[in-house]
Amino acid sequence: MSDARKDAPEIRQLWPTLMLRHRLPGAAQANPHLVKLLADMDEGKADFTTDYLSGNLFDLAHPVVGWLKSCVNRAVLDYARAAGVDYELDFYVQAWGNVNRFGDYHNLHNHPHSWLSGTYYVQVPEAKALPGRSDRNPGAISFYDPRPQANMLAIRGDPQVDPEHRILPSAGEILVWPAFLHHLVHPNLSDKLRVSISFNVVLRMRREYVP
């Protein structure tokens, strides 16, 4: 090994924010059943999307819900492995459906009292052409740097410069992120329903989890 390589500085990546993004196998077959199930539930409850703490969608005894629950559990374990968690976790997942009509959106928020949060996208319609502003991002989800003012001294080429990370998901994709991460969902600008299932991953605390 050359002296130059021996003397190379050590570079560490501190405080990374991990995000899992994955297209679920079997989504094309499952999604039509999920759309019908959630649309029927939404018709029977005016605050179906906003009253997310009143129940757990994953408690529902339905084959397609069971499929998604198993996929979410797998995604949580994949995330944990990527984060370096090499021991068994005891957790439960609390899930709820989102049915967004034209103009519906979700304000900036995070998910307290949870370890991870995530969303599975069941139906993501294309926006219809509308006059006016060209900077709208219908159907997208934006995530924001959790470190206040971290980008203030960034320079061109430095990945710290952009405090927002925006994703336009497609049906069949799942996203998982740390629950502390602030995010918002841009308005649905389609006459077709935008349907998704969000969830929180809550740990049943054990001594082994303490750093």
N, C-alpha and C. Protein backbone atom coordinates (compact mmCIF):
# COMPACT_ATOMS: atom_id res chain seq x y z
N MET A 1 0.84 -1.20 0.00
CA MET A 1 0.00 0.00 0.00
C MET A 1 0.88 1.25 0.00
N SER A 2 0.57 2.24 -0.83
CA SER A 2 1.38 3.44 -0.93
C SER A 2 1.24 4.29 0.33
N ASP A 3 2.26 5.17 0.56
CA ASP A 3 2.21 6.06 1.71
C ASP A 3 1.01 6.99 1.64
N ALA A 4 0.68 7.43 0.39
CA ALA A 4 -0.45 8.34 0.23
C ALA A 4 -1.75 7.69 0.69
N ARG A 5 -1.92 6.40 0.37
CA ARG A 5 -3.13 5.71 0.78
C ARG A 5 -3.13 5.51 2.30
N LYS A 6 -1.97 5.22 2.90
CA LYS A 6 -1.88 5.05 4.35
C LYS A 6 -2.26 6.33 5.08
N ASP A 7 -1.90 7.47 4.50
CA ASP A 7 -2.11 8.76 5.16
C ASP A 7 -3.44 9.41 4.80
N ALA A 8 -4.29 8.69 4.06
CA ALA A 8 -5.57 9.28 3.65
C ALA A 8 -6.43 9.58 4.88
N PRO A 9 -7.12 10.71 4.88
CA PRO A 9 -7.95 11.05 6.05
C PRO A 9 -9.15 10.12 6.16
N GLU A 10 -9.57 9.91 7.37
CA GLU A 10 -10.79 9.13 7.62
C GLU A 10 -12.00 10.05 7.47
N ILE A 11 -12.95 9.62 6.64
CA ILE A 11 -14.18 10.38 6.43
C ILE A 11 -15.33 9.58 7.03
N ARG A 12 -16.09 10.22 7.92
CA ARG A 12 -17.25 9.56 8.52
C ARG A 12 -18.52 10.29 8.12
N GLN A 13 -19.56 9.53 7.89
CA GLN A 13 -20.87 10.10 7.60
C GLN A 13 -21.66 10.12 8.91
N LEU A 14 -21.86 11.31 9.47
CA LEU A 14 -22.50 11.43 10.77
C LEU A 14 -23.99 11.67 10.64
N TRP A 15 -24.76 11.10 11.53
CA TRP A 15 -26.20 11.32 11.66
C TRP A 15 -26.95 11.15 10.33
N PRO A 16 -26.78 10.04 9.68
CA PRO A 16 -27.54 9.86 8.43
C PRO A 16 -29.02 9.62 8.72
N THR A 17 -29.86 10.00 7.79
CA THR A 17 -31.29 9.74 7.87
C THR A 17 -31.63 8.70 6.82
N LEU A 18 -31.97 7.51 7.26
CA LEU A 18 -32.25 6.42 6.34
C LEU A 18 -33.71 6.45 5.89
N MET A 19 -33.92 6.09 4.63
CA MET A 19 -35.27 5.94 4.10
C MET A 19 -35.30 4.69 3.23
N LEU A 20 -36.32 3.88 3.45
CA LEU A 20 -36.52 2.69 2.63
C LEU A 20 -37.57 2.99 1.57
N ARG A 21 -37.30 2.60 0.33
CA ARG A 21 -38.26 2.73 -0.77
C ARG A 21 -38.23 1.42 -1.55
N HIS A 22 -39.41 0.82 -1.72
CA HIS A 22 -39.45 -0.52 -2.33
C HIS A 22 -40.79 -0.74 -3.02
N ARG A 23 -40.75 -1.39 -4.18
CA ARG A 23 -41.99 -1.78 -4.86
C ARG A 23 -42.35 -3.20 -4.42
N LEU A 24 -43.56 -3.35 -3.86
CA LEU A 24 -43.93 -4.63 -3.28
C LEU A 24 -44.34 -5.64 -4.36
N PRO A 25 -43.81 -6.84 -4.28
CA PRO A 25 -44.28 -7.88 -5.20
C PRO A 25 -45.73 -8.24 -4.90
N GLY A 26 -46.52 -8.40 -5.95
CA GLY A 26 -47.93 -8.71 -5.76
C GLY A 26 -48.82 -7.50 -5.65
N ALA A 27 -48.24 -6.30 -5.76
CA ALA A 27 -49.02 -5.08 -5.57
C ALA A 27 -50.10 -4.93 -6.64
N ALA A 28 -49.79 -5.27 -7.87
CA ALA A 28 -50.77 -5.09 -8.95
C ALA A 28 -52.03 -5.90 -8.71
N GLN A 29 -51.89 -7.07 -8.10
CA GLN A 29 -53.05 -7.91 -7.80
C GLN A 29 -53.78 -7.43 -6.55
N ALA A 30 -53.04 -6.92 -5.58
CA ALA A 30 -53.63 -6.53 -4.30
C ALA A 30 -54.31 -5.17 -4.34
N ASN A 31 -53.77 -4.24 -5.11
CA ASN A 31 -54.24 -2.85 -5.04
C ASN A 31 -55.72 -2.65 -5.39
N PRO A 32 -56.26 -3.30 -6.44
CA PRO A 32 -57.70 -3.11 -6.70
C PRO A 32 -58.58 -3.51 -5.51
N HIS A 33 -58.19 -4.55 -4.79
CA HIS A 33 -58.96 -4.98 -3.62
C HIS A 33 -58.81 -3.96 -2.48
N LEU A 34 -57.61 -3.39 -2.33
CA LEU A 34 -57.41 -2.38 -1.29
C LEU A 34 -58.18 -1.11 -1.60
N VAL A 35 -58.22 -0.71 -2.86
CA VAL A 35 -58.97 0.49 -3.24
C VAL A 35 -60.44 0.32 -2.87
N LYS A 36 -61.01 -0.82 -3.23
CA LYS A 36 -62.43 -1.06 -2.92
C LYS A 36 -62.67 -1.09 -1.42
N LEU A 37 -61.81 -1.77 -0.69
CA LEU A 37 -61.97 -1.88 0.76
C LEU A 37 -61.93 -0.50 1.41
N LEU A 38 -60.93 0.31 1.07
CA LEU A 38 -60.77 1.61 1.71
C LEU A 38 -61.84 2.60 1.27
N ALA A 39 -62.23 2.55 0.00
CA ALA A 39 -63.31 3.43 -0.47
C ALA A 39 -64.62 3.11 0.24
N ASP A 40 -64.90 1.83 0.45
CA ASP A 40 -66.11 1.44 1.18
C ASP A 40 -66.05 1.91 2.63
N MET A 41 -64.89 1.79 3.26
CA MET A 41 -64.74 2.25 4.63
C MET A 41 -64.88 3.76 4.72
N ASP A 42 -64.36 4.47 3.74
CA ASP A 42 -64.43 5.93 3.72
C ASP A 42 -65.87 6.41 3.55
N GLU A 43 -66.66 5.69 2.75
CA GLU A 43 -68.05 6.06 2.54
C GLU A 43 -68.87 5.98 3.83
N GLY A 44 -68.45 5.09 4.71
CA GLY A 44 -69.21 4.89 5.94
C GLY A 44 -68.75 5.73 7.11
N LYS A 45 -67.72 6.57 6.90
CA LYS A 45 -67.17 7.34 8.01
C LYS A 45 -66.62 8.66 7.48
N ALA A 46 -67.22 9.77 7.88
CA ALA A 46 -66.87 11.07 7.31
C ALA A 46 -65.42 11.45 7.61
N ASP A 47 -64.90 11.10 8.80
CA ASP A 47 -63.54 11.47 9.19
C ASP A 47 -62.59 10.28 9.10
N PHE A 48 -62.83 9.42 8.12
CA PHE A 48 -62.05 8.19 7.99
C PHE A 48 -60.55 8.46 7.92
N THR A 49 -60.13 9.42 7.10
CA THR A 49 -58.70 9.70 6.91
C THR A 49 -58.09 10.43 8.09
N THR A 50 -58.82 11.36 8.71
CA THR A 50 -58.24 12.19 9.75
C THR A 50 -58.30 11.56 11.14
N ASP A 51 -59.23 10.66 11.37
CA ASP A 51 -59.38 10.02 12.69
C ASP A 51 -58.55 8.73 12.72
N TYR A 52 -57.24 8.89 12.57
CA TYR A 52 -56.37 7.73 12.38
C TYR A 52 -56.05 6.98 13.67
N LEU A 53 -56.39 7.54 14.83
CA LEU A 53 -56.07 6.88 16.09
C LEU A 53 -57.22 6.05 16.65
N SER A 54 -58.34 6.04 15.95
CA SER A 54 -59.52 5.37 16.50
C SER A 54 -59.48 3.86 16.33
N GLY A 55 -58.58 3.36 15.54
CA GLY A 55 -58.49 1.92 15.33
C GLY A 55 -57.22 1.57 14.59
N ASN A 56 -57.06 0.30 14.29
CA ASN A 56 -55.88 -0.17 13.57
C ASN A 56 -56.35 -0.97 12.37
N LEU A 57 -56.08 -0.46 11.18
CA LEU A 57 -56.47 -1.16 9.96
C LEU A 57 -55.92 -2.57 9.91
N PHE A 58 -54.73 -2.77 10.49
CA PHE A 58 -54.09 -4.08 10.43
C PHE A 58 -54.74 -5.11 11.36
N ASP A 59 -55.70 -4.68 12.17
CA ASP A 59 -56.48 -5.64 12.97
C ASP A 59 -57.61 -6.25 12.15
N LEU A 60 -57.84 -5.72 10.96
CA LEU A 60 -58.94 -6.20 10.13
C LEU A 60 -58.60 -7.57 9.54
N ALA A 61 -59.52 -8.51 9.71
CA ALA A 61 -59.32 -9.87 9.18
C ALA A 61 -59.73 -9.90 7.71
N HIS A 62 -58.80 -9.55 6.85
CA HIS A 62 -59.06 -9.50 5.41
C HIS A 62 -57.78 -9.98 4.72
N PRO A 63 -57.88 -10.87 3.72
CA PRO A 63 -56.67 -11.43 3.09
C PRO A 63 -55.70 -10.39 2.55
N VAL A 64 -56.21 -9.34 1.89
CA VAL A 64 -55.31 -8.36 1.29
C VAL A 64 -54.66 -7.49 2.37
N VAL A 65 -55.37 -7.26 3.48
CA VAL A 65 -54.77 -6.54 4.61
C VAL A 65 -53.67 -7.39 5.24
N GLY A 66 -53.92 -8.69 5.36
CA GLY A 66 -52.89 -9.59 5.89
C GLY A 66 -51.65 -9.60 5.02
N TRP A 67 -51.84 -9.56 3.69
CA TRP A 67 -50.70 -9.49 2.77
C TRP A 67 -49.87 -8.24 3.03
N LEU A 68 -50.55 -7.09 3.12
CA LEU A 68 -49.82 -5.84 3.32
C LEU A 68 -49.14 -5.80 4.69
N LYS A 69 -49.80 -6.30 5.70
CA LYS A 69 -49.20 -6.32 7.04
C LYS A 69 -47.90 -7.11 7.04
N SER A 70 -47.88 -8.25 6.36
CA SER A 70 -46.66 -9.05 6.31
C SER A 70 -45.56 -8.33 5.53
N CYS A 71 -45.95 -7.59 4.47
CA CYS A 71 -44.97 -6.83 3.70
C CYS A 71 -44.38 -5.69 4.53
N VAL A 72 -45.22 -5.02 5.31
CA VAL A 72 -44.73 -3.93 6.17
C VAL A 72 -43.78 -4.49 7.23
N ASN A 73 -44.13 -5.60 7.84
CA ASN A 73 -43.24 -6.21 8.83
C ASN A 73 -41.88 -6.54 8.23
N ARG A 74 -41.89 -7.05 7.00
CA ARG A 74 -40.64 -7.36 6.31
C ARG A 74 -39.83 -6.10 6.05
N ALA A 75 -40.52 -5.03 5.64
CA ALA A 75 -39.83 -3.76 5.37
C ALA A 75 -39.21 -3.19 6.63
N VAL A 76 -39.89 -3.32 7.77
CA VAL A 76 -39.34 -2.84 9.04
C VAL A 76 -38.05 -3.58 9.37
N LEU A 77 -38.04 -4.88 9.17
CA LEU A 77 -36.83 -5.66 9.46
C LEU A 77 -35.71 -5.31 8.49
N ASP A 78 -36.04 -5.06 7.23
CA ASP A 78 -35.02 -4.63 6.26
C ASP A 78 -34.43 -3.29 6.66
N TYR A 79 -35.29 -2.37 7.10
CA TYR A 79 -34.82 -1.06 7.54
C TYR A 79 -33.89 -1.22 8.75
N ALA A 80 -34.33 -2.02 9.72
CA ALA A 80 -33.53 -2.20 10.94
C ALA A 80 -32.15 -2.76 10.60
N ARG A 81 -32.11 -3.72 9.69
CA ARG A 81 -30.83 -4.31 9.30
C ARG A 81 -29.92 -3.26 8.67
N ALA A 82 -30.49 -2.43 7.79
CA ALA A 82 -29.71 -1.38 7.15
C ALA A 82 -29.20 -0.35 8.16
N ALA A 83 -29.97 -0.14 9.23
CA ALA A 83 -29.58 0.81 10.26
C ALA A 83 -28.56 0.24 11.23
N GLY A 84 -28.25 -1.05 11.11
CA GLY A 84 -27.27 -1.67 11.99
C GLY A 84 -27.86 -2.30 13.23
N VAL A 85 -29.18 -2.43 13.28
CA VAL A 85 -29.83 -3.10 14.41
C VAL A 85 -29.74 -4.60 14.17
N ASP A 86 -28.92 -5.27 14.97
CA ASP A 86 -28.64 -6.70 14.75
C ASP A 86 -29.22 -7.59 15.84
N TYR A 87 -30.26 -7.13 16.51
CA TYR A 87 -30.91 -7.93 17.54
C TYR A 87 -32.41 -7.95 17.27
N GLU A 88 -33.10 -8.85 17.95
CA GLU A 88 -34.54 -9.02 17.72
C GLU A 88 -35.31 -7.82 18.26
N LEU A 89 -36.28 -7.37 17.47
CA LEU A 89 -37.12 -6.25 17.88
C LEU A 89 -38.53 -6.74 18.21
N ASP A 90 -39.11 -6.13 19.23
CA ASP A 90 -40.50 -6.41 19.58
C ASP A 90 -41.29 -5.14 19.28
N PHE A 91 -42.11 -5.18 18.23
CA PHE A 91 -42.82 -3.98 17.79
C PHE A 91 -44.21 -4.34 17.31
N TYR A 92 -45.06 -3.35 17.23
CA TYR A 92 -46.34 -3.52 16.56
C TYR A 92 -46.55 -2.36 15.60
N VAL A 93 -47.40 -2.58 14.62
CA VAL A 93 -47.65 -1.58 13.58
C VAL A 93 -49.10 -1.13 13.66
N GLN A 94 -49.30 0.18 13.79
CA GLN A 94 -50.63 0.77 13.80
C GLN A 94 -50.84 1.45 12.45
N ALA A 95 -51.87 1.03 11.71
CA ALA A 95 -52.07 1.50 10.34
C ALA A 95 -53.44 2.11 10.15
N TRP A 96 -53.54 3.00 9.16
CA TRP A 96 -54.81 3.64 8.84
C TRP A 96 -54.83 3.98 7.34
N GLY A 97 -56.02 4.10 6.80
CA GLY A 97 -56.17 4.41 5.39
C GLY A 97 -56.32 5.89 5.13
N ASN A 98 -55.85 6.32 3.97
CA ASN A 98 -56.00 7.70 3.52
C ASN A 98 -56.73 7.69 2.17
N VAL A 99 -57.84 8.38 2.10
CA VAL A 99 -58.58 8.52 0.85
C VAL A 99 -58.66 10.02 0.56
N ASN A 100 -57.89 10.48 -0.42
CA ASN A 100 -57.81 11.90 -0.74
C ASN A 100 -58.55 12.21 -2.03
N ARG A 101 -59.51 13.13 -1.93
CA ARG A 101 -60.23 13.61 -3.11
C ARG A 101 -59.51 14.83 -3.69
N PHE A 102 -60.10 15.42 -4.72
CA PHE A 102 -59.49 16.58 -5.35
C PHE A 102 -59.25 17.69 -4.31
N GLY A 103 -58.02 18.18 -4.26
CA GLY A 103 -57.67 19.26 -3.36
C GLY A 103 -57.21 18.82 -1.98
N ASP A 104 -57.39 17.55 -1.63
CA ASP A 104 -56.98 17.08 -0.30
C ASP A 104 -55.45 17.03 -0.19
N TYR A 105 -54.96 17.33 1.00
CA TYR A 105 -53.52 17.32 1.26
C TYR A 105 -53.30 17.06 2.74
N HIS A 106 -52.02 16.93 3.14
CA HIS A 106 -51.68 16.76 4.56
C HIS A 106 -50.62 17.79 4.92
N ASN A 107 -50.88 18.57 5.95
CA ASN A 107 -49.96 19.62 6.41
C ASN A 107 -48.65 19.02 6.93
N LEU A 108 -47.67 19.91 7.10
CA LEU A 108 -46.37 19.51 7.65
C LEU A 108 -46.56 18.91 9.03
N HIS A 109 -45.96 17.73 9.26
CA HIS A 109 -46.13 17.05 10.55
C HIS A 109 -45.07 15.95 10.67
N ASN A 110 -44.95 15.43 11.87
CA ASN A 110 -44.21 14.19 12.08
C ASN A 110 -45.09 13.27 12.93
N HIS A 111 -44.54 12.15 13.39
CA HIS A 111 -45.36 11.15 14.07
C HIS A 111 -44.74 10.84 15.45
N PRO A 112 -45.12 11.59 16.47
CA PRO A 112 -44.55 11.37 17.82
C PRO A 112 -44.86 9.99 18.38
N HIS A 113 -44.03 9.58 19.33
CA HIS A 113 -44.21 8.36 20.11
C HIS A 113 -44.04 7.08 19.26
N SER A 114 -43.43 7.21 18.09
CA SER A 114 -43.18 6.06 17.23
C SER A 114 -41.70 6.00 16.88
N TRP A 115 -41.25 4.83 16.47
CA TRP A 115 -39.86 4.68 16.01
C TRP A 115 -39.77 4.99 14.52
N LEU A 116 -40.60 4.34 13.73
CA LEU A 116 -40.63 4.55 12.28
C LEU A 116 -42.05 4.91 11.85
N SER A 117 -42.14 5.55 10.71
CA SER A 117 -43.42 5.77 10.04
C SER A 117 -43.27 5.37 8.58
N GLY A 118 -44.39 5.22 7.91
CA GLY A 118 -44.31 4.85 6.50
C GLY A 118 -45.66 4.94 5.83
N THR A 119 -45.63 4.77 4.52
CA THR A 119 -46.84 4.79 3.71
C THR A 119 -46.71 3.77 2.58
N TYR A 120 -47.81 3.07 2.33
CA TYR A 120 -47.92 2.23 1.15
C TYR A 120 -48.90 2.89 0.20
N TYR A 121 -48.52 3.01 -1.06
CA TYR A 121 -49.31 3.74 -2.05
C TYR A 121 -50.15 2.75 -2.87
N VAL A 122 -51.46 2.89 -2.73
CA VAL A 122 -52.41 1.98 -3.36
C VAL A 122 -52.83 2.50 -4.74
N GLN A 123 -53.15 3.78 -4.79
CA GLN A 123 -53.59 4.40 -6.06
C GLN A 123 -53.09 5.84 -6.09
N VAL A 124 -52.28 6.17 -7.09
CA VAL A 124 -51.73 7.52 -7.23
C VAL A 124 -52.09 8.02 -8.63
N PRO A 125 -53.18 8.78 -8.75
CA PRO A 125 -53.62 9.24 -10.07
C PRO A 125 -52.75 10.37 -10.61
N GLU A 126 -52.75 10.53 -11.92
CA GLU A 126 -52.07 11.65 -12.55
C GLU A 126 -52.92 12.91 -12.39
N ALA A 127 -52.26 14.04 -12.18
CA ALA A 127 -52.98 15.32 -12.04
C ALA A 127 -53.52 15.77 -13.38
N LYS A 128 -54.67 16.40 -13.35
CA LYS A 128 -55.20 16.97 -14.58
C LYS A 128 -54.57 18.33 -14.83
N ALA A 129 -54.51 18.72 -16.09
CA ALA A 129 -53.91 20.01 -16.45
C ALA A 129 -54.75 21.15 -15.92
N LEU A 130 -54.11 22.07 -15.18
CA LEU A 130 -54.80 23.21 -14.60
C LEU A 130 -54.02 24.48 -14.93
N PRO A 131 -54.71 25.58 -15.14
CA PRO A 131 -54.01 26.85 -15.38
C PRO A 131 -53.38 27.37 -14.10
N GLY A 132 -52.42 28.27 -14.25
CA GLY A 132 -51.83 28.89 -13.07
C GLY A 132 -50.40 28.45 -12.83
N ARG A 133 -50.05 28.31 -11.60
CA ARG A 133 -48.66 28.07 -11.19
C ARG A 133 -48.11 26.78 -11.77
N SER A 134 -46.82 26.84 -12.14
CA SER A 134 -46.17 25.66 -12.72
C SER A 134 -45.33 24.90 -11.70
N ASP A 135 -45.26 25.39 -10.45
CA ASP A 135 -44.40 24.76 -9.45
C ASP A 135 -45.17 23.85 -8.50
N ARG A 136 -46.40 23.52 -8.86
CA ARG A 136 -47.17 22.61 -8.02
C ARG A 136 -46.63 21.19 -8.18
N ASN A 137 -46.77 20.41 -7.12
CA ASN A 137 -46.26 19.03 -7.11
C ASN A 137 -47.35 18.09 -6.65
N PRO A 138 -48.42 17.95 -7.43
CA PRO A 138 -49.55 17.14 -6.99
C PRO A 138 -49.16 15.69 -6.77
N GLY A 139 -49.65 15.14 -5.65
CA GLY A 139 -49.41 13.74 -5.35
C GLY A 139 -48.06 13.43 -4.75
N ALA A 140 -47.17 14.43 -4.69
CA ALA A 140 -45.83 14.19 -4.16
C ALA A 140 -45.84 14.26 -2.63
N ILE A 141 -44.77 13.72 -2.03
CA ILE A 141 -44.54 13.85 -0.60
C ILE A 141 -43.17 14.47 -0.41
N SER A 142 -43.08 15.47 0.47
CA SER A 142 -41.83 16.17 0.73
C SER A 142 -41.36 15.88 2.15
N PHE A 143 -40.05 15.61 2.27
CA PHE A 143 -39.40 15.39 3.56
C PHE A 143 -38.39 16.50 3.79
N TYR A 144 -38.20 16.89 5.06
CA TYR A 144 -37.37 18.04 5.38
C TYR A 144 -36.24 17.66 6.33
N ASP A 145 -35.08 18.25 6.06
CA ASP A 145 -33.88 18.02 6.87
C ASP A 145 -34.20 18.25 8.33
N PRO A 146 -33.98 17.25 9.19
CA PRO A 146 -34.33 17.40 10.62
C PRO A 146 -33.35 18.27 11.40
N ARG A 147 -32.24 18.70 10.77
CA ARG A 147 -31.25 19.52 11.47
C ARG A 147 -31.50 20.99 11.11
N PRO A 148 -31.97 21.78 12.04
CA PRO A 148 -32.31 23.17 11.73
C PRO A 148 -31.12 23.94 11.15
N GLN A 149 -31.36 24.64 10.06
CA GLN A 149 -30.37 25.51 9.42
C GLN A 149 -29.09 24.78 8.98
N ALA A 150 -29.16 23.48 8.77
CA ALA A 150 -27.96 22.73 8.39
C ALA A 150 -27.42 23.14 7.03
N ASN A 151 -28.25 23.72 6.20
CA ASN A 151 -27.83 24.07 4.84
C ASN A 151 -27.34 25.52 4.72
N MET A 152 -27.25 26.27 5.80
CA MET A 152 -26.97 27.70 5.71
C MET A 152 -25.60 28.00 5.11
N LEU A 153 -24.60 27.15 5.33
CA LEU A 153 -23.25 27.41 4.83
C LEU A 153 -22.85 26.44 3.72
N ALA A 154 -23.83 25.76 3.14
CA ALA A 154 -23.52 24.79 2.09
C ALA A 154 -23.11 25.51 0.81
N ILE A 155 -22.31 24.83 -0.03
CA ILE A 155 -21.89 25.37 -1.31
C ILE A 155 -22.33 24.43 -2.42
N ARG A 156 -22.27 24.90 -3.64
CA ARG A 156 -22.72 24.11 -4.79
C ARG A 156 -21.98 22.78 -4.84
N GLY A 157 -22.72 21.69 -5.04
CA GLY A 157 -22.14 20.36 -5.04
C GLY A 157 -22.20 19.67 -3.70
N ASP A 158 -22.49 20.44 -2.64
CA ASP A 158 -22.62 19.88 -1.30
C ASP A 158 -24.05 19.37 -1.14
N PRO A 159 -24.25 18.07 -0.84
CA PRO A 159 -25.62 17.54 -0.73
C PRO A 159 -26.42 18.13 0.42
N GLN A 160 -25.77 18.89 1.30
CA GLN A 160 -26.49 19.51 2.42
C GLN A 160 -27.30 20.73 1.97
N VAL A 161 -27.13 21.19 0.73
CA VAL A 161 -27.67 22.49 0.35
C VAL A 161 -29.19 22.49 0.23
N ASP A 162 -29.81 21.36 -0.07
CA ASP A 162 -31.25 21.33 -0.28
C ASP A 162 -31.95 20.75 0.94
N PRO A 163 -32.73 21.55 1.68
CA PRO A 163 -33.37 21.05 2.90
C PRO A 163 -34.59 20.19 2.64
N GLU A 164 -35.01 20.06 1.37
CA GLU A 164 -36.21 19.29 1.05
C GLU A 164 -35.86 18.13 0.13
N HIS A 165 -36.43 16.97 0.43
CA HIS A 165 -36.32 15.81 -0.46
C HIS A 165 -37.73 15.42 -0.87
N ARG A 166 -38.00 15.48 -2.17
CA ARG A 166 -39.35 15.28 -2.67
C ARG A 166 -39.43 13.98 -3.48
N ILE A 167 -40.48 13.23 -3.24
CA ILE A 167 -40.69 11.96 -3.94
C ILE A 167 -42.09 11.97 -4.55
N LEU A 168 -42.17 11.57 -5.81
CA LEU A 168 -43.46 11.33 -6.44
C LEU A 168 -43.64 9.81 -6.48
N PRO A 169 -44.37 9.24 -5.52
CA PRO A 169 -44.49 7.78 -5.45
C PRO A 169 -45.43 7.26 -6.53
N SER A 170 -45.36 5.98 -6.76
CA SER A 170 -46.29 5.33 -7.68
C SER A 170 -46.98 4.20 -6.95
N ALA A 171 -48.11 3.78 -7.47
CA ALA A 171 -48.87 2.70 -6.84
C ALA A 171 -48.01 1.45 -6.73
N GLY A 172 -48.06 0.83 -5.56
CA GLY A 172 -47.28 -0.38 -5.32
C GLY A 172 -46.00 -0.15 -4.55
N GLU A 173 -45.66 1.13 -4.29
CA GLU A 173 -44.44 1.44 -3.56
C GLU A 173 -44.71 1.64 -2.08
N ILE A 174 -43.71 1.29 -1.29
CA ILE A 174 -43.75 1.54 0.15
C ILE A 174 -42.55 2.41 0.51
N LEU A 175 -42.78 3.38 1.41
CA LEU A 175 -41.73 4.21 1.97
C LEU A 175 -41.72 4.01 3.48
N VAL A 176 -40.53 3.95 4.07
CA VAL A 176 -40.37 3.86 5.52
C VAL A 176 -39.29 4.86 5.92
N TRP A 177 -39.54 5.65 6.98
CA TRP A 177 -38.60 6.68 7.39
C TRP A 177 -38.68 6.85 8.91
N PRO A 178 -37.70 7.52 9.53
CA PRO A 178 -37.77 7.78 10.98
C PRO A 178 -38.98 8.64 11.30
N ALA A 179 -39.68 8.30 12.36
CA ALA A 179 -40.94 8.99 12.68
C ALA A 179 -40.74 10.46 13.02
N PHE A 180 -39.51 10.85 13.40
CA PHE A 180 -39.29 12.25 13.76
C PHE A 180 -39.20 13.16 12.53
N LEU A 181 -39.10 12.58 11.35
CA LEU A 181 -38.86 13.36 10.14
C LEU A 181 -40.12 14.12 9.72
N HIS A 182 -40.01 15.45 9.61
CA HIS A 182 -41.16 16.24 9.18
C HIS A 182 -41.41 16.04 7.68
N HIS A 183 -42.68 15.96 7.33
CA HIS A 183 -43.05 15.73 5.94
C HIS A 183 -44.43 16.31 5.68
N LEU A 184 -44.73 16.51 4.42
CA LEU A 184 -46.07 16.95 4.02
C LEU A 184 -46.43 16.28 2.70
N VAL A 185 -47.74 16.16 2.47
CA VAL A 185 -48.26 15.56 1.25
C VAL A 185 -48.92 16.66 0.42
N HIS A 186 -48.47 16.82 -0.82
CA HIS A 186 -49.00 17.85 -1.70
C HIS A 186 -50.42 17.50 -2.14
N PRO A 187 -51.21 18.50 -2.54
CA PRO A 187 -52.62 18.26 -2.88
C PRO A 187 -52.81 17.27 -4.02
N ASN A 188 -53.89 16.53 -3.93
CA ASN A 188 -54.33 15.69 -5.04
C ASN A 188 -55.05 16.60 -6.04
N LEU A 189 -54.52 16.70 -7.24
CA LEU A 189 -55.14 17.54 -8.26
C LEU A 189 -55.73 16.67 -9.37
N SER A 190 -56.36 15.60 -8.96
CA SER A 190 -57.05 14.71 -9.88
C SER A 190 -58.46 14.46 -9.36
N ASP A 191 -59.38 14.23 -10.27
CA ASP A 191 -60.73 13.87 -9.86
C ASP A 191 -60.82 12.43 -9.40
N LYS A 192 -59.75 11.68 -9.59
CA LYS A 192 -59.69 10.29 -9.16
C LYS A 192 -59.14 10.23 -7.73
N LEU A 193 -59.59 9.29 -6.94
CA LEU A 193 -59.13 9.18 -5.56
C LEU A 193 -57.64 8.85 -5.49
N ARG A 194 -56.97 9.51 -4.55
CA ARG A 194 -55.60 9.13 -4.20
C ARG A 194 -55.70 8.31 -2.92
N VAL A 195 -55.25 7.07 -2.98
CA VAL A 195 -55.47 6.13 -1.88
C VAL A 195 -54.12 5.60 -1.39
N SER A 196 -53.93 5.64 -0.09
CA SER A 196 -52.71 5.12 0.51
C SER A 196 -53.01 4.57 1.90
N ILE A 197 -52.06 3.85 2.44
CA ILE A 197 -52.16 3.33 3.81
C ILE A 197 -50.90 3.74 4.55
N SER A 198 -51.07 4.51 5.61
CA SER A 198 -49.94 4.95 6.42
C SER A 198 -49.87 4.13 7.70
N PHE A 199 -48.70 4.16 8.32
CA PHE A 199 -48.53 3.33 9.52
C PHE A 199 -47.42 3.89 10.39
N ASN A 200 -47.50 3.57 11.68
CA ASN A 200 -46.46 3.84 12.66
C ASN A 200 -45.93 2.52 13.21
N VAL A 201 -44.63 2.48 13.40
CA VAL A 201 -43.99 1.32 14.01
C VAL A 201 -43.63 1.70 15.45
N VAL A 202 -44.26 1.04 16.39
CA VAL A 202 -44.11 1.37 17.81
C VAL A 202 -43.39 0.22 18.51
N LEU A 203 -42.32 0.55 19.22
CA LEU A 203 -41.55 -0.47 19.94
C LEU A 203 -42.17 -0.76 21.30
N ARG A 204 -42.22 -2.04 21.63
CA ARG A 204 -42.51 -2.44 23.01
C ARG A 204 -41.16 -2.44 23.72
N MET A 205 -40.97 -1.44 24.57
CA MET A 205 -39.63 -1.15 25.08
C MET A 205 -39.04 -2.30 25.90
N ARG A 206 -37.74 -2.52 25.67
CA ARG A 206 -36.97 -3.51 26.40
C ARG A 206 -35.66 -2.87 26.84
N ARG A 207 -35.02 -3.47 27.83
CA ARG A 207 -33.74 -2.97 28.30
C ARG A 207 -32.69 -2.94 27.18
N GLU A 208 -32.77 -3.93 26.26
CA GLU A 208 -31.77 -4.03 25.19
C GLU A 208 -31.80 -2.83 24.25
N TYR A 209 -32.91 -2.10 24.20
CA TYR A 209 -33.02 -0.97 23.27
C TYR A 209 -32.27 0.26 23.77
N VAL A 210 -31.96 0.32 25.05
CA VAL A 210 -31.33 1.52 25.60
C VAL A 210 -29.90 1.63 25.09
N PRO A 211 -29.52 2.75 24.46
CA PRO A 211 -28.15 2.91 23.92
C PRO A 211 -27.10 2.80 24.99
